[in-house]
C-alpha atoms as a PDB file:
ATOM      1  CA  MET A   1       0.446  18.161  18.192  1.00  0.00           C
ATOM      2  CA  PRO A   2       1.812  19.283  14.784  1.00  0.00           C
ATOM      3  CA  GLN A   3       1.019  17.245  11.688  1.00  0.00           C
ATOM      4  CA  LEU A   4       4.181  15.741  10.213  1.00  0.00           C
ATOM      5  CA  LYS A   5       4.457  14.840   6.553  1.00  0.00           C
ATOM      6  CA  PRO A   6       5.845  11.408   5.678  1.00  0.00           C
ATOM      7  CA  LEU A   7       9.482  11.334   4.700  1.00  0.00           C
ATOM      8  CA  LEU A   8      10.437  10.900   1.057  1.00  0.00           C
ATOM      9  CA  PHE A   9      12.155   7.610   1.888  1.00  0.00           C
ATOM     10  CA  GLY A  10       8.953   6.266   3.435  1.00  0.00           C
ATOM     11  CA  ARG A  11       6.896   7.242   0.400  1.00  0.00           C
ATOM     12  CA  LEU A  12       9.461   5.846  -2.010  1.00  0.00           C
ATOM     13  CA  SER A  13       9.773   2.569  -0.126  1.00  0.00           C
ATOM     14  CA  ARG A  14       5.984   2.144  -0.139  1.00  0.00           C
ATOM     15  CA  VAL A  15       5.817   2.671  -3.898  1.00  0.00           C
ATOM     16  CA  LEU A  16       8.705   0.257  -4.482  1.00  0.00           C
ATOM     17  CA  PHE A  17       7.171  -2.371  -2.211  1.00  0.00           C
ATOM     18  CA  GLY A  18       3.827  -1.973  -3.999  1.00  0.00           C
ATOM     19  CA  MET A  19       5.465  -2.499  -7.379  1.00  0.00           C
ATOM     20  CA  GLY A  20       7.390  -5.425  -5.898  1.00  0.00           C
ATOM     21  CA  THR A  21       4.200  -7.225  -4.934  1.00  0.00           C
ATOM     22  CA  PHE A  22       2.965  -6.960  -8.512  1.00  0.00           C
ATOM     23  CA  ALA A  23       6.356  -8.219  -9.723  1.00  0.00           C
ATOM     24  CA  VAL A  24       5.977 -11.265  -7.462  1.00  0.00           C
ATOM     25  CA  ILE A  25       2.532 -11.957  -8.921  1.00  0.00           C
ATOM     26  CA  GLY A  26       3.935 -11.596 -12.441  1.00  0.00           C
ATOM     27  CA  PHE A  27       7.035 -13.679 -11.743  1.00  0.00           C
ATOM     28  CA  VAL A  28       5.293 -16.539  -9.955  1.00  0.00           C
ATOM     29  CA  GLY A  29       2.209 -16.292 -12.124  1.00  0.00           C
ATOM     30  CA  PRO A  30      -1.386 -15.971 -10.972  1.00  0.00           C
ATOM     31  CA  GLY A  31      -1.983 -19.616 -11.902  1.00  0.00           C
ATOM     32  CA  GLN A  32       0.641 -20.773  -9.402  1.00  0.00           C
ATOM     33  CA  LEU A  33      -0.826 -18.747  -6.537  1.00  0.00           C
ATOM     34  CA  SER A  34      -4.175 -19.458  -4.986  1.00  0.00           C
ATOM     35  CA  LEU A  35      -6.982 -17.030  -5.744  1.00  0.00           C
ATOM     36  CA  TRP A  36      -6.823 -15.628  -2.211  1.00  0.00           C
ATOM     37  CA  GLY A  37      -3.049 -15.265  -2.407  1.00  0.00           C
ATOM     38  CA  THR A  38      -3.304 -13.315  -5.644  1.00  0.00           C
ATOM     39  CA  VAL A  39      -6.068 -11.104  -4.257  1.00  0.00           C
ATOM     40  CA  ALA A  40      -4.178 -10.488  -1.005  1.00  0.00           C
ATOM     41  CA  LEU A  41      -0.939  -9.563  -2.783  1.00  0.00           C
ATOM     42  CA  GLY A  42      -2.834  -7.380  -5.252  1.00  0.00           C
ATOM     43  CA  LEU A  43      -4.705  -5.530  -2.511  1.00  0.00           C
ATOM     44  CA  LEU A  44      -1.528  -5.048  -0.507  1.00  0.00           C
ATOM     45  CA  GLY A  45       0.296  -3.788  -3.601  1.00  0.00           C
ATOM     46  CA  VAL A  46      -2.461  -1.322  -4.482  1.00  0.00           C
ATOM     47  CA  SER A  47      -2.681  -0.032  -0.921  1.00  0.00           C
ATOM     48  CA  PHE A  48       1.103   0.460  -0.766  1.00  0.00           C
ATOM     49  CA  LEU A  49       1.081   2.314  -4.104  1.00  0.00           C
ATOM     50  CA  VAL A  50      -1.847   4.545  -3.147  1.00  0.00           C
ATOM     51  CA  GLY A  51      -0.399   5.245   0.298  1.00  0.00           C
ATOM     52  CA  GLY A  52       2.988   6.111  -1.155  1.00  0.00           C
ATOM     53  CA  LEU A  53       1.705   8.282  -3.984  1.00  0.00           C
ATOM     54  CA  MET A  54      -0.776  10.155  -1.781  1.00  0.00           C
ATOM     55  CA  GLY A  55       1.721  10.569   1.046  1.00  0.00           C
ATOM     56  CA  ASN A  56      -0.732   8.947   3.412  1.00  0.00           C
ATOM     57  CA  PRO A  57       0.851   8.721   6.863  1.00  0.00           C
ATOM     58  CA  GLY A  58       0.230   5.690   8.986  1.00  0.00           C
ATOM     59  CA  CYS A  59      -0.689   2.165   8.030  1.00  0.00           C
ATOM     60  CA  GLU A  60      -1.025   1.252   4.367  1.00  0.00           C
ATOM     61  CA  ILE A  61      -4.314  -0.537   5.045  1.00  0.00           C
ATOM     62  CA  THR A  62      -6.033   2.842   5.613  1.00  0.00           C
ATOM     63  CA  ALA A  63      -4.810   4.258   2.277  1.00  0.00           C
ATOM     64  CA  LEU A  64      -7.714   2.934   0.182  1.00  0.00           C
ATOM     65  CA  PRO A  65     -10.504   3.938   2.606  1.00  0.00           C
ATOM     66  CA  ASN A  66      -8.914   7.392   2.922  1.00  0.00           C
ATOM     67  CA  LEU A  67      -8.924   7.701  -0.867  1.00  0.00           C
ATOM     68  CA  PHE A  68     -12.573   6.737  -1.290  1.00  0.00           C
ATOM     69  CA  LEU A  69     -13.964   8.470   1.809  1.00  0.00           C
ATOM     70  CA  SER A  70     -11.878  11.664   1.448  1.00  0.00           C
ATOM     71  CA  LYS A  71     -10.912  11.465   5.120  1.00  0.00           C
ATOM     72  CA  GLU A  72      -7.628  11.026   6.851  1.00  0.00           C
ATOM     73  CA  ASN A  73      -7.734   8.138   9.288  1.00  0.00           C
ATOM     74  CA  ARG A  74      -4.431   7.576  11.018  1.00  0.00           C
ATOM     75  CA  VAL A  75      -3.745   4.108  12.289  1.00  0.00           C
ATOM     76  CA  HIS A  76      -0.139   3.152  12.807  1.00  0.00           C
ATOM     77  CA  CYS A  77       0.906  -0.430  12.204  1.00  0.00           C
ATOM     78  CA  ALA A  78       2.304  -2.351  15.104  1.00  0.00           C
END
């Protein structure tokens, strides 16, 4: 099966969604969110940014492990 690169729209939307999560944290304020809410939004934002910038296909949750482990795990979100 040939390896397909992610589309530009998919990469761009991941980067925009990642920046959007940080905008939500900044707009609402970390003091208004619980600690776990801030951490969850921050982790999701970072993983979306890394996945979009690296062109990581598949689920955004695997973007950070793929970055640190130098592997390409492909898990598609359901």
